[in-house]
Amino acid sequence: SPLLAAHANMRAALDDAIEAGDLEATMALALGLRALWFAGMLRQEAHEFVERILARFDVSGPDELRLLRAAAFVEGSTPVAAALHERVAARAAEIGDWASVCTATCNLFGMALNTRNIEEIHRLRPALRALMTPETSDKALGWVQLHLAVGAYVEGDLDQAIEHATRCVEHAQRIDHAYLLATALPTRLLVSWAREGTISHGELSEALDEMGRTGVRLDAG
C-alpha cells in the first residue's frame, strides 16, 4: 500500500541519515515518522530508532524531549512507556521545561490510576503537588488538579477530590480550554455524586453539553 511504501522509504532514509551523521535530516525524518509509528503501533521500531539517535548525536534538550515523547506515545501504557515518561520528566526539569515535566508526571500518575497502583499514586502525588507553582501555566495546573482529583477520589478522600475538581474547572474556564473543561466537569459531577448522593439537573446538563461539544466520553467503571 502507499502507506507501507512511504513508511519503508522514510525508514530507509532515516537509516541513511543516522549513518551519515546528518542530524538535521535525522530529526526531520524521525519526527515525520511519528504518525506512522503510531498508526502501525510500531513500538519496537520507534524505541530502537530513538535510542540510536540519542546515542549517535548530541541532540538538544527540546529535540530529545520530542523523541522520547514520540516513543512513549507509541508505547501507550506499558512499563517501557513509564520509563520513557520518567526520562522526559527528568530531562525536562534539567532544561526548565515545566510544561513537559507536568505532562510526563500527569501521564505517569494517570497510568497509576488506571492500574489502581496505590503505591505509585502515593509516590507521584508529591511530584504533582510540587508543580503547583507560579512557573506552571494555567493549562498545566488544570491537568495537575484533575489528576489529583481523580487520585483523591480513588482513595476515598472526597473532600480533597471535590476541591481539586473545582479548581480544575476554574482553571479551564479561566483559559477557555474546552477539552479540559469537558473533562473536569464530569469529574466534579462524579465526585459530587459520590459525596452528596445527588447531583443537580443544572450540573448534569452543563457537563453533558461540554462533553457533547468536544467529544469527551464518560465511561462507566
N, C-alpha and C. Protein backbone atom coordinates (compact mmCIF):
# COMPACT_ATOMS: atom_id res chain seq x y z
N SER A 1 0.85 -1.19 0.00
CA SER A 1 0.00 0.00 0.00
C SER A 1 0.88 1.24 0.00
N PRO A 2 0.33 2.40 -0.41
CA PRO A 2 1.12 3.64 -0.40
C PRO A 2 1.67 3.97 0.97
N LEU A 3 0.87 3.69 2.03
CA LEU A 3 1.33 3.99 3.39
C LEU A 3 2.54 3.14 3.76
N LEU A 4 2.48 1.85 3.44
CA LEU A 4 3.60 0.96 3.75
C LEU A 4 4.83 1.35 2.94
N ALA A 5 4.62 1.75 1.68
CA ALA A 5 5.75 2.17 0.86
C ALA A 5 6.39 3.43 1.42
N ALA A 6 5.55 4.38 1.84
CA ALA A 6 6.07 5.63 2.43
C ALA A 6 6.85 5.33 3.70
N HIS A 7 6.32 4.42 4.51
CA HIS A 7 7.00 4.06 5.75
C HIS A 7 8.35 3.43 5.46
N ALA A 8 8.39 2.50 4.52
CA ALA A 8 9.65 1.83 4.17
C ALA A 8 10.68 2.82 3.64
N ASN A 9 10.24 3.75 2.81
CA ASN A 9 11.15 4.74 2.24
C ASN A 9 11.70 5.67 3.31
N MET A 10 10.82 6.14 4.22
CA MET A 10 11.27 7.04 5.27
C MET A 10 12.17 6.33 6.26
N ARG A 11 11.87 5.07 6.56
CA ARG A 11 12.71 4.30 7.47
C ARG A 11 14.11 4.10 6.88
N ALA A 12 14.18 3.81 5.57
CA ALA A 12 15.47 3.64 4.91
C ALA A 12 16.23 4.96 4.89
N ALA A 13 15.51 6.05 4.63
CA ALA A 13 16.16 7.35 4.61
C ALA A 13 16.68 7.74 5.99
N LEU A 14 15.92 7.37 7.03
CA LEU A 14 16.37 7.65 8.40
C LEU A 14 17.62 6.85 8.72
N ASP A 15 17.64 5.60 8.32
CA ASP A 15 18.85 4.78 8.50
C ASP A 15 20.05 5.46 7.86
N ASP A 16 19.88 5.92 6.62
CA ASP A 16 20.97 6.55 5.89
C ASP A 16 21.43 7.84 6.58
N ALA A 17 20.48 8.63 7.06
CA ALA A 17 20.82 9.90 7.71
C ALA A 17 21.60 9.67 9.00
N ILE A 18 21.19 8.65 9.77
CA ILE A 18 21.91 8.34 11.00
C ILE A 18 23.33 7.90 10.68
N GLU A 19 23.48 7.01 9.71
CA GLU A 19 24.81 6.52 9.32
C GLU A 19 25.69 7.64 8.80
N ALA A 20 25.07 8.61 8.10
CA ALA A 20 25.84 9.72 7.52
C ALA A 20 26.16 10.80 8.55
N GLY A 21 25.57 10.72 9.72
CA GLY A 21 25.81 11.72 10.75
C GLY A 21 25.10 13.04 10.48
N ASP A 22 24.01 12.99 9.73
CA ASP A 22 23.26 14.20 9.36
C ASP A 22 22.14 14.41 10.38
N LEU A 23 22.43 15.22 11.38
CA LEU A 23 21.47 15.42 12.47
C LEU A 23 20.19 16.09 11.99
N GLU A 24 20.32 17.11 11.15
CA GLU A 24 19.13 17.84 10.69
C GLU A 24 18.17 16.90 9.95
N ALA A 25 18.69 16.11 9.03
CA ALA A 25 17.84 15.17 8.29
C ALA A 25 17.29 14.09 9.21
N THR A 26 18.12 13.63 10.14
CA THR A 26 17.69 12.60 11.08
C THR A 26 16.49 13.06 11.89
N MET A 27 16.56 14.28 12.43
CA MET A 27 15.46 14.78 13.25
C MET A 27 14.20 14.98 12.41
N ALA A 28 14.36 15.53 11.20
CA ALA A 28 13.20 15.75 10.34
C ALA A 28 12.50 14.43 10.02
N LEU A 29 13.28 13.41 9.69
CA LEU A 29 12.70 12.12 9.33
C LEU A 29 12.10 11.41 10.54
N ALA A 30 12.81 11.45 11.66
CA ALA A 30 12.30 10.78 12.86
C ALA A 30 10.99 11.40 13.32
N LEU A 31 10.94 12.72 13.35
CA LEU A 31 9.71 13.38 13.78
C LEU A 31 8.59 13.18 12.75
N GLY A 32 8.98 13.08 11.48
CA GLY A 32 7.99 12.80 10.45
C GLY A 32 7.42 11.40 10.54
N LEU A 33 8.19 10.48 11.09
CA LEU A 33 7.74 9.10 11.21
C LEU A 33 6.80 8.87 12.39
N ARG A 34 6.67 9.85 13.26
CA ARG A 34 5.87 9.64 14.48
C ARG A 34 4.45 9.16 14.17
N ALA A 35 3.81 9.79 13.19
CA ALA A 35 2.43 9.41 12.87
C ALA A 35 2.36 7.98 12.34
N LEU A 36 3.35 7.59 11.55
CA LEU A 36 3.36 6.23 11.01
C LEU A 36 3.67 5.21 12.10
N TRP A 37 4.56 5.56 13.01
CA TRP A 37 4.83 4.67 14.14
C TRP A 37 3.54 4.41 14.93
N PHE A 38 2.79 5.48 15.16
CA PHE A 38 1.57 5.33 15.95
C PHE A 38 0.51 4.58 15.16
N ALA A 39 0.36 4.90 13.88
CA ALA A 39 -0.66 4.24 13.06
C ALA A 39 -0.44 2.72 13.01
N GLY A 40 0.84 2.32 12.97
CA GLY A 40 1.15 0.89 12.92
C GLY A 40 1.48 0.29 14.25
N MET A 41 1.40 1.11 15.33
CA MET A 41 1.77 0.68 16.68
C MET A 41 3.14 -0.01 16.65
N LEU A 42 4.09 0.66 16.02
CA LEU A 42 5.44 0.10 15.83
C LEU A 42 6.31 0.45 17.02
N ARG A 43 6.02 -0.15 18.16
CA ARG A 43 6.70 0.19 19.41
C ARG A 43 8.20 -0.06 19.33
N GLN A 44 8.57 -1.27 18.90
CA GLN A 44 9.98 -1.62 18.89
C GLN A 44 10.77 -0.74 17.94
N GLU A 45 10.23 -0.50 16.76
CA GLU A 45 10.94 0.35 15.79
C GLU A 45 11.12 1.76 16.33
N ALA A 46 10.07 2.32 16.90
CA ALA A 46 10.15 3.68 17.42
C ALA A 46 11.21 3.76 18.52
N HIS A 47 11.16 2.82 19.45
CA HIS A 47 12.09 2.83 20.57
C HIS A 47 13.53 2.65 20.10
N GLU A 48 13.75 1.73 19.18
CA GLU A 48 15.11 1.47 18.70
C GLU A 48 15.68 2.67 17.97
N PHE A 49 14.88 3.31 17.12
CA PHE A 49 15.37 4.48 16.40
C PHE A 49 15.69 5.63 17.35
N VAL A 50 14.82 5.85 18.32
CA VAL A 50 15.05 6.93 19.28
C VAL A 50 16.35 6.70 20.04
N GLU A 51 16.56 5.48 20.50
CA GLU A 51 17.78 5.19 21.25
C GLU A 51 19.02 5.31 20.36
N ARG A 52 18.92 4.90 19.10
CA ARG A 52 20.05 5.04 18.17
C ARG A 52 20.40 6.50 17.95
N ILE A 53 19.39 7.32 17.77
CA ILE A 53 19.62 8.75 17.52
C ILE A 53 20.27 9.41 18.72
N LEU A 54 19.75 9.10 19.92
CA LEU A 54 20.30 9.73 21.13
C LEU A 54 21.72 9.26 21.41
N ALA A 55 22.04 8.03 20.99
CA ALA A 55 23.41 7.52 21.17
C ALA A 55 24.36 8.10 20.12
N ARG A 56 23.84 8.40 18.94
CA ARG A 56 24.69 8.85 17.82
C ARG A 56 24.97 10.33 17.83
N PHE A 57 24.00 11.14 18.30
CA PHE A 57 24.11 12.58 18.17
C PHE A 57 24.04 13.29 19.53
N ASP A 58 24.58 14.49 19.54
CA ASP A 58 24.43 15.38 20.69
C ASP A 58 23.17 16.22 20.43
N VAL A 59 22.04 15.65 20.80
CA VAL A 59 20.74 16.25 20.49
C VAL A 59 20.41 17.32 21.53
N SER A 60 19.81 18.42 21.09
CA SER A 60 19.41 19.48 22.02
C SER A 60 18.35 18.96 22.98
N GLY A 61 18.21 19.64 24.12
CA GLY A 61 17.22 19.23 25.11
C GLY A 61 15.81 19.15 24.56
N PRO A 62 15.32 20.20 23.88
CA PRO A 62 13.96 20.14 23.33
C PRO A 62 13.78 19.01 22.32
N ASP A 63 14.78 18.77 21.47
CA ASP A 63 14.66 17.68 20.49
C ASP A 63 14.69 16.32 21.18
N GLU A 64 15.48 16.20 22.23
CA GLU A 64 15.50 14.94 22.98
C GLU A 64 14.12 14.66 23.56
N LEU A 65 13.47 15.70 24.08
CA LEU A 65 12.12 15.51 24.63
C LEU A 65 11.14 15.10 23.53
N ARG A 66 11.26 15.68 22.36
CA ARG A 66 10.36 15.31 21.26
C ARG A 66 10.51 13.83 20.91
N LEU A 67 11.74 13.38 20.86
CA LEU A 67 11.98 11.97 20.52
C LEU A 67 11.45 11.04 21.61
N LEU A 68 11.74 11.35 22.85
CA LEU A 68 11.30 10.50 23.95
C LEU A 68 9.77 10.47 24.05
N ARG A 69 9.14 11.62 23.84
CA ARG A 69 7.67 11.67 23.87
C ARG A 69 7.08 10.84 22.74
N ALA A 70 7.72 10.88 21.56
CA ALA A 70 7.22 10.09 20.43
C ALA A 70 7.25 8.61 20.75
N ALA A 71 8.36 8.14 21.31
CA ALA A 71 8.46 6.72 21.66
C ALA A 71 7.47 6.35 22.76
N ALA A 72 7.30 7.23 23.74
CA ALA A 72 6.37 6.96 24.83
C ALA A 72 4.94 6.90 24.33
N PHE A 73 4.59 7.79 23.40
CA PHE A 73 3.23 7.85 22.88
C PHE A 73 2.87 6.56 22.16
N VAL A 74 3.81 6.02 21.39
CA VAL A 74 3.56 4.77 20.68
C VAL A 74 3.43 3.61 21.66
N GLU A 75 4.17 3.66 22.76
CA GLU A 75 4.15 2.58 23.74
C GLU A 75 2.82 2.47 24.47
N GLY A 76 2.12 3.58 24.62
CA GLY A 76 0.84 3.53 25.33
C GLY A 76 1.02 3.47 26.83
N SER A 77 0.61 2.37 27.47
CA SER A 77 0.65 2.26 28.94
C SER A 77 1.52 1.11 29.41
N THR A 78 2.58 0.83 28.69
CA THR A 78 3.47 -0.27 29.06
C THR A 78 4.52 0.19 30.07
N PRO A 79 5.22 -0.74 30.71
CA PRO A 79 6.33 -0.34 31.59
C PRO A 79 7.40 0.45 30.85
N VAL A 80 7.60 0.14 29.57
CA VAL A 80 8.57 0.92 28.77
C VAL A 80 8.11 2.36 28.66
N ALA A 81 6.81 2.56 28.46
CA ALA A 81 6.27 3.92 28.38
C ALA A 81 6.51 4.66 29.69
N ALA A 82 6.30 3.99 30.81
CA ALA A 82 6.52 4.62 32.11
C ALA A 82 7.97 5.06 32.26
N ALA A 83 8.90 4.20 31.84
CA ALA A 83 10.32 4.55 31.92
C ALA A 83 10.63 5.75 31.04
N LEU A 84 10.01 5.82 29.87
CA LEU A 84 10.23 6.96 28.97
C LEU A 84 9.66 8.24 29.56
N HIS A 85 8.48 8.16 30.16
CA HIS A 85 7.91 9.35 30.80
C HIS A 85 8.80 9.83 31.95
N GLU A 86 9.39 8.89 32.68
CA GLU A 86 10.32 9.27 33.75
C GLU A 86 11.52 10.02 33.17
N ARG A 87 12.03 9.55 32.05
CA ARG A 87 13.15 10.23 31.39
C ARG A 87 12.75 11.61 30.91
N VAL A 88 11.55 11.72 30.36
CA VAL A 88 11.06 13.02 29.90
C VAL A 88 10.99 13.99 31.08
N ALA A 89 10.41 13.55 32.18
CA ALA A 89 10.26 14.42 33.34
C ALA A 89 11.62 14.89 33.86
N ALA A 90 12.57 13.96 33.94
CA ALA A 90 13.90 14.30 34.46
C ALA A 90 14.62 15.27 33.53
N ARG A 91 14.60 14.97 32.22
CA ARG A 91 15.30 15.83 31.25
C ARG A 91 14.63 17.19 31.15
N ALA A 92 13.31 17.22 31.18
CA ALA A 92 12.59 18.48 31.10
C ALA A 92 12.89 19.36 32.31
N ALA A 93 13.01 18.74 33.48
CA ALA A 93 13.36 19.50 34.69
C ALA A 93 14.75 20.12 34.55
N GLU A 94 15.66 19.38 33.93
CA GLU A 94 17.02 19.88 33.75
C GLU A 94 17.06 21.14 32.89
N ILE A 95 16.20 21.20 31.88
CA ILE A 95 16.23 22.35 30.96
C ILE A 95 15.14 23.37 31.28
N GLY A 96 14.40 23.15 32.36
CA GLY A 96 13.40 24.13 32.78
C GLY A 96 12.13 24.13 31.96
N ASP A 97 11.82 23.02 31.30
CA ASP A 97 10.58 22.90 30.52
C ASP A 97 9.50 22.33 31.43
N TRP A 98 8.85 23.21 32.19
CA TRP A 98 7.91 22.75 33.22
C TRP A 98 6.63 22.20 32.62
N ALA A 99 6.27 22.66 31.43
CA ALA A 99 5.09 22.09 30.78
C ALA A 99 5.30 20.61 30.48
N SER A 100 6.51 20.27 30.02
CA SER A 100 6.81 18.86 29.72
C SER A 100 6.94 18.04 31.00
N VAL A 101 7.50 18.65 32.06
CA VAL A 101 7.54 17.96 33.35
C VAL A 101 6.13 17.62 33.80
N CYS A 102 5.24 18.59 33.67
CA CYS A 102 3.85 18.39 34.08
C CYS A 102 3.18 17.30 33.27
N THR A 103 3.34 17.34 31.93
CA THR A 103 2.71 16.35 31.08
C THR A 103 3.21 14.94 31.41
N ALA A 104 4.52 14.80 31.55
CA ALA A 104 5.09 13.49 31.84
C ALA A 104 4.62 12.96 33.20
N THR A 105 4.61 13.84 34.20
CA THR A 105 4.19 13.42 35.54
C THR A 105 2.72 13.05 35.56
N CYS A 106 1.89 13.84 34.85
CA CYS A 106 0.47 13.51 34.75
C CYS A 106 0.27 12.18 34.03
N ASN A 107 1.06 11.93 33.00
CA ASN A 107 0.95 10.65 32.30
C ASN A 107 1.27 9.48 33.23
N LEU A 108 2.32 9.63 34.01
CA LEU A 108 2.70 8.59 34.96
C LEU A 108 1.61 8.39 36.01
N PHE A 109 1.07 9.49 36.50
CA PHE A 109 0.02 9.42 37.52
C PHE A 109 -1.23 8.78 36.92
N GLY A 110 -1.55 9.13 35.67
CA GLY A 110 -2.69 8.53 35.00
C GLY A 110 -2.54 7.03 34.83
N MET A 111 -1.32 6.58 34.50
CA MET A 111 -1.07 5.15 34.39
C MET A 111 -1.27 4.46 35.73
N ALA A 112 -0.83 5.10 36.80
CA ALA A 112 -1.01 4.52 38.14
C ALA A 112 -2.49 4.46 38.50
N LEU A 113 -3.25 5.49 38.13
CA LEU A 113 -4.68 5.49 38.40
C LEU A 113 -5.38 4.36 37.64
N ASN A 114 -5.00 4.20 36.38
CA ASN A 114 -5.66 3.18 35.54
C ASN A 114 -5.44 1.76 36.07
N THR A 115 -4.30 1.54 36.70
CA THR A 115 -4.00 0.21 37.24
C THR A 115 -4.28 0.11 38.74
N ARG A 116 -4.84 1.20 39.30
CA ARG A 116 -5.13 1.26 40.74
C ARG A 116 -3.87 0.94 41.56
N ASN A 117 -2.74 1.44 41.11
CA ASN A 117 -1.47 1.22 41.80
C ASN A 117 -1.33 2.27 42.91
N ILE A 118 -1.85 1.96 44.07
CA ILE A 118 -1.90 2.93 45.17
C ILE A 118 -0.49 3.36 45.59
N GLU A 119 0.43 2.42 45.61
CA GLU A 119 1.81 2.75 46.00
C GLU A 119 2.40 3.79 45.04
N GLU A 120 2.16 3.61 43.75
CA GLU A 120 2.67 4.55 42.76
C GLU A 120 1.94 5.89 42.84
N ILE A 121 0.66 5.87 43.14
CA ILE A 121 -0.09 7.11 43.33
C ILE A 121 0.51 7.90 44.48
N HIS A 122 0.82 7.21 45.58
CA HIS A 122 1.43 7.89 46.74
C HIS A 122 2.80 8.45 46.38
N ARG A 123 3.56 7.71 45.58
CA ARG A 123 4.90 8.16 45.21
C ARG A 123 4.86 9.40 44.34
N LEU A 124 3.90 9.45 43.43
CA LEU A 124 3.86 10.53 42.45
C LEU A 124 3.10 11.77 42.93
N ARG A 125 2.24 11.61 43.92
CA ARG A 125 1.44 12.76 44.35
C ARG A 125 2.30 13.95 44.78
N PRO A 126 3.37 13.77 45.57
CA PRO A 126 4.19 14.94 45.92
C PRO A 126 4.80 15.62 44.69
N ALA A 127 5.17 14.84 43.68
CA ALA A 127 5.73 15.44 42.46
C ALA A 127 4.68 16.27 41.74
N LEU A 128 3.42 15.81 41.74
CA LEU A 128 2.36 16.61 41.14
C LEU A 128 2.12 17.89 41.93
N ARG A 129 2.05 17.76 43.24
CA ARG A 129 1.81 18.93 44.08
C ARG A 129 2.93 19.96 43.92
N ALA A 130 4.15 19.47 43.73
CA ALA A 130 5.30 20.37 43.59
C ALA A 130 5.22 21.22 42.33
N LEU A 131 4.38 20.80 41.38
CA LEU A 131 4.24 21.56 40.13
C LEU A 131 3.28 22.72 40.26
N MET A 132 2.61 22.84 41.38
CA MET A 132 1.67 23.95 41.58
C MET A 132 2.43 25.20 42.02
N THR A 133 3.15 25.79 41.07
CA THR A 133 3.99 26.95 41.32
C THR A 133 3.68 28.03 40.28
N PRO A 134 4.18 29.26 40.48
CA PRO A 134 3.95 30.33 39.50
C PRO A 134 4.54 30.03 38.12
N GLU A 135 5.53 29.12 38.06
CA GLU A 135 6.15 28.79 36.78
C GLU A 135 5.25 27.88 35.93
N THR A 136 4.25 27.28 36.53
CA THR A 136 3.39 26.34 35.82
C THR A 136 2.21 27.09 35.21
N SER A 137 1.93 26.82 33.96
CA SER A 137 0.84 27.51 33.25
C SER A 137 -0.51 27.09 33.80
N ASP A 138 -1.52 27.92 33.52
CA ASP A 138 -2.88 27.59 33.96
C ASP A 138 -3.35 26.27 33.33
N LYS A 139 -2.99 26.04 32.07
CA LYS A 139 -3.37 24.79 31.41
C LYS A 139 -2.76 23.60 32.15
N ALA A 140 -1.46 23.68 32.44
CA ALA A 140 -0.79 22.59 33.14
C ALA A 140 -1.36 22.42 34.54
N LEU A 141 -1.62 23.54 35.22
CA LEU A 141 -2.20 23.46 36.56
C LEU A 141 -3.56 22.77 36.53
N GLY A 142 -4.32 23.03 35.48
CA GLY A 142 -5.62 22.39 35.36
C GLY A 142 -5.50 20.88 35.29
N TRP A 143 -4.56 20.39 34.47
CA TRP A 143 -4.38 18.93 34.37
C TRP A 143 -3.85 18.34 35.67
N VAL A 144 -2.98 19.09 36.36
CA VAL A 144 -2.49 18.62 37.66
C VAL A 144 -3.66 18.47 38.63
N GLN A 145 -4.51 19.50 38.69
CA GLN A 145 -5.66 19.45 39.60
C GLN A 145 -6.59 18.31 39.23
N LEU A 146 -6.78 18.06 37.94
CA LEU A 146 -7.66 16.96 37.52
C LEU A 146 -7.12 15.62 38.01
N HIS A 147 -5.83 15.38 37.82
CA HIS A 147 -5.25 14.11 38.24
C HIS A 147 -5.28 13.96 39.76
N LEU A 148 -5.04 15.05 40.48
CA LEU A 148 -5.12 14.99 41.94
C LEU A 148 -6.56 14.71 42.38
N ALA A 149 -7.53 15.25 41.65
CA ALA A 149 -8.93 15.00 41.98
C ALA A 149 -9.27 13.52 41.83
N VAL A 150 -8.86 12.93 40.72
CA VAL A 150 -9.16 11.52 40.49
C VAL A 150 -8.41 10.65 41.49
N GLY A 151 -7.17 11.03 41.80
CA GLY A 151 -6.40 10.27 42.79
C GLY A 151 -7.08 10.28 44.14
N ALA A 152 -7.55 11.45 44.56
CA ALA A 152 -8.23 11.54 45.85
C ALA A 152 -9.54 10.74 45.83
N TYR A 153 -10.24 10.77 44.71
CA TYR A 153 -11.49 10.01 44.57
C TYR A 153 -11.23 8.50 44.71
N VAL A 154 -10.19 8.03 44.03
CA VAL A 154 -9.85 6.60 44.09
C VAL A 154 -9.55 6.17 45.52
N GLU A 155 -8.94 7.06 46.28
CA GLU A 155 -8.58 6.72 47.65
C GLU A 155 -9.69 7.05 48.65
N GLY A 156 -10.79 7.60 48.16
CA GLY A 156 -11.93 7.85 49.04
C GLY A 156 -11.90 9.16 49.78
N ASP A 157 -10.96 10.05 49.45
CA ASP A 157 -10.91 11.37 50.09
C ASP A 157 -11.75 12.33 49.24
N LEU A 158 -13.06 12.30 49.46
CA LEU A 158 -13.98 13.02 48.58
C LEU A 158 -13.91 14.53 48.78
N ASP A 159 -13.56 15.00 49.97
CA ASP A 159 -13.42 16.44 50.18
C ASP A 159 -12.27 17.00 49.34
N GLN A 160 -11.13 16.31 49.38
CA GLN A 160 -9.99 16.72 48.56
C GLN A 160 -10.32 16.59 47.08
N ALA A 161 -11.03 15.54 46.72
CA ALA A 161 -11.37 15.31 45.32
C ALA A 161 -12.23 16.45 44.77
N ILE A 162 -13.24 16.87 45.53
CA ILE A 162 -14.12 17.94 45.05
C ILE A 162 -13.38 19.26 45.00
N GLU A 163 -12.45 19.47 45.93
CA GLU A 163 -11.66 20.71 45.92
C GLU A 163 -10.79 20.79 44.68
N HIS A 164 -10.08 19.71 44.37
CA HIS A 164 -9.23 19.70 43.19
C HIS A 164 -10.05 19.79 41.90
N ALA A 165 -11.17 19.08 41.85
CA ALA A 165 -12.00 19.11 40.65
C ALA A 165 -12.56 20.51 40.41
N THR A 166 -12.96 21.17 41.47
CA THR A 166 -13.49 22.54 41.34
C THR A 166 -12.40 23.49 40.86
N ARG A 167 -11.20 23.36 41.37
CA ARG A 167 -10.09 24.20 40.92
C ARG A 167 -9.77 23.94 39.45
N CYS A 168 -9.89 22.67 39.05
CA CYS A 168 -9.64 22.34 37.65
C CYS A 168 -10.66 23.01 36.75
N VAL A 169 -11.92 22.97 37.14
CA VAL A 169 -12.97 23.66 36.38
C VAL A 169 -12.66 25.15 36.28
N GLU A 170 -12.23 25.74 37.37
CA GLU A 170 -11.91 27.17 37.38
C GLU A 170 -10.76 27.50 36.44
N HIS A 171 -9.72 26.66 36.44
CA HIS A 171 -8.59 26.87 35.52
C HIS A 171 -9.06 26.76 34.08
N ALA A 172 -9.86 25.75 33.79
CA ALA A 172 -10.33 25.53 32.42
C ALA A 172 -11.18 26.69 31.94
N GLN A 173 -12.03 27.21 32.82
CA GLN A 173 -12.87 28.35 32.45
C GLN A 173 -12.04 29.61 32.26
N ARG A 174 -11.01 29.78 33.10
CA ARG A 174 -10.17 30.97 33.02
C ARG A 174 -9.45 31.06 31.68
N ILE A 175 -8.97 29.93 31.19
CA ILE A 175 -8.20 29.94 29.94
C ILE A 175 -9.05 29.50 28.75
N ASP A 176 -10.34 29.24 28.99
CA ASP A 176 -11.27 28.84 27.93
C ASP A 176 -10.75 27.61 27.19
N HIS A 177 -10.38 26.57 27.97
CA HIS A 177 -9.87 25.32 27.39
C HIS A 177 -11.02 24.32 27.36
N ALA A 178 -11.60 24.12 26.18
CA ALA A 178 -12.82 23.33 26.07
C ALA A 178 -12.64 21.88 26.49
N TYR A 179 -11.55 21.25 26.05
CA TYR A 179 -11.37 19.83 26.36
C TYR A 179 -11.13 19.61 27.85
N LEU A 180 -10.31 20.48 28.45
CA LEU A 180 -10.07 20.36 29.88
C LEU A 180 -11.37 20.56 30.66
N LEU A 181 -12.16 21.54 30.25
CA LEU A 181 -13.43 21.80 30.94
C LEU A 181 -14.38 20.62 30.78
N ALA A 182 -14.42 20.04 29.58
CA ALA A 182 -15.31 18.91 29.32
C ALA A 182 -14.88 17.65 30.06
N THR A 183 -13.63 17.61 30.51
CA THR A 183 -13.15 16.51 31.33
C THR A 183 -13.35 16.80 32.81
N ALA A 184 -13.14 18.06 33.18
CA ALA A 184 -13.24 18.45 34.59
C ALA A 184 -14.67 18.44 35.11
N LEU A 185 -15.62 18.89 34.30
CA LEU A 185 -17.00 18.98 34.76
C LEU A 185 -17.58 17.60 35.14
N PRO A 186 -17.46 16.58 34.27
CA PRO A 186 -17.98 15.27 34.69
C PRO A 186 -17.21 14.66 35.85
N THR A 187 -15.92 15.00 35.97
CA THR A 187 -15.15 14.52 37.12
C THR A 187 -15.71 15.11 38.40
N ARG A 188 -15.96 16.41 38.38
CA ARG A 188 -16.56 17.05 39.56
C ARG A 188 -17.95 16.49 39.84
N LEU A 189 -18.69 16.22 38.78
CA LEU A 189 -20.02 15.65 38.93
C LEU A 189 -19.96 14.28 39.61
N LEU A 190 -19.03 13.44 39.16
CA LEU A 190 -18.86 12.11 39.73
C LEU A 190 -18.52 12.18 41.21
N VAL A 191 -17.57 13.07 41.53
CA VAL A 191 -17.15 13.20 42.93
C VAL A 191 -18.28 13.76 43.79
N SER A 192 -19.00 14.73 43.25
CA SER A 192 -20.11 15.33 43.98
C SER A 192 -21.19 14.29 44.27
N TRP A 193 -21.48 13.45 43.27
CA TRP A 193 -22.48 12.40 43.48
C TRP A 193 -22.01 11.41 44.54
N ALA A 194 -20.71 11.06 44.51
CA ALA A 194 -20.18 10.11 45.49
C ALA A 194 -20.25 10.69 46.90
N ARG A 195 -20.03 12.00 47.02
CA ARG A 195 -20.02 12.61 48.35
C ARG A 195 -21.41 12.96 48.85
N GLU A 196 -22.25 13.51 47.97
CA GLU A 196 -23.55 14.01 48.39
C GLU A 196 -24.69 13.03 48.13
N GLY A 197 -24.47 12.08 47.21
CA GLY A 197 -25.53 11.15 46.87
C GLY A 197 -26.56 11.72 45.93
N THR A 198 -26.31 12.92 45.41
CA THR A 198 -27.25 13.56 44.49
C THR A 198 -26.50 14.57 43.64
N ILE A 199 -27.05 14.87 42.48
CA ILE A 199 -26.50 15.91 41.61
C ILE A 199 -27.65 16.74 41.07
N SER A 200 -27.36 17.99 40.77
CA SER A 200 -28.41 18.86 40.27
C SER A 200 -28.58 18.70 38.76
N HIS A 201 -29.78 18.99 38.29
CA HIS A 201 -30.05 18.91 36.85
C HIS A 201 -29.17 19.89 36.09
N GLY A 202 -28.94 21.07 36.67
CA GLY A 202 -28.11 22.07 36.01
C GLY A 202 -26.67 21.61 35.83
N GLU A 203 -26.12 20.99 36.87
CA GLU A 203 -24.74 20.49 36.79
C GLU A 203 -24.62 19.39 35.75
N LEU A 204 -25.61 18.51 35.71
CA LEU A 204 -25.58 17.42 34.75
C LEU A 204 -25.69 17.95 33.32
N SER A 205 -26.59 18.89 33.10
CA SER A 205 -26.76 19.46 31.77
C SER A 205 -25.50 20.17 31.30
N GLU A 206 -24.87 20.93 32.21
CA GLU A 206 -23.65 21.65 31.86
C GLU A 206 -22.55 20.68 31.44
N ALA A 207 -22.38 19.61 32.23
CA ALA A 207 -21.34 18.63 31.92
C ALA A 207 -21.61 17.93 30.59
N LEU A 208 -22.86 17.51 30.38
CA LEU A 208 -23.20 16.81 29.14
C LEU A 208 -23.04 17.72 27.92
N ASP A 209 -23.39 18.99 28.07
CA ASP A 209 -23.25 19.93 26.96
C ASP A 209 -21.78 20.09 26.57
N GLU A 210 -20.92 20.27 27.56
CA GLU A 210 -19.49 20.43 27.27
C GLU A 210 -18.91 19.16 26.67
N MET A 211 -19.29 18.02 27.19
CA MET A 211 -18.81 16.75 26.66
C MET A 211 -19.26 16.56 25.21
N GLY A 212 -20.49 16.94 24.92
CA GLY A 212 -21.01 16.81 23.57
C GLY A 212 -20.29 17.69 22.58
N ARG A 213 -19.89 18.88 23.03
CA ARG A 213 -19.20 19.82 22.14
C ARG A 213 -17.79 19.35 21.79
N THR A 214 -17.16 18.62 22.68
CA THR A 214 -15.76 18.26 22.48
C THR A 214 -15.56 16.78 22.20
N GLY A 215 -16.60 15.98 22.34
CA GLY A 215 -16.47 14.55 22.06
C GLY A 215 -15.90 13.75 23.21
N VAL A 216 -15.82 14.35 24.41
CA VAL A 216 -15.34 13.61 25.59
C VAL A 216 -16.41 12.62 26.01
N ARG A 217 -16.00 11.39 26.32
CA ARG A 217 -16.91 10.35 26.76
C ARG A 217 -16.75 10.11 28.25
N LEU A 218 -17.85 9.80 28.90
CA LEU A 218 -17.83 9.40 30.31
C LEU A 218 -18.04 7.92 30.37
N ASP A 219 -16.96 7.17 30.59
CA ASP A 219 -17.02 5.71 30.60
C ASP A 219 -17.31 5.22 32.00
N ALA A 220 -18.24 4.33 32.11
CA ALA A 220 -18.57 3.75 33.41
C ALA A 220 -17.50 2.74 33.79
N GLY A 221 -17.36 2.53 35.10
CA GLY A 221 -16.42 1.53 35.55
C GLY A 221 -15.37 2.13 36.38
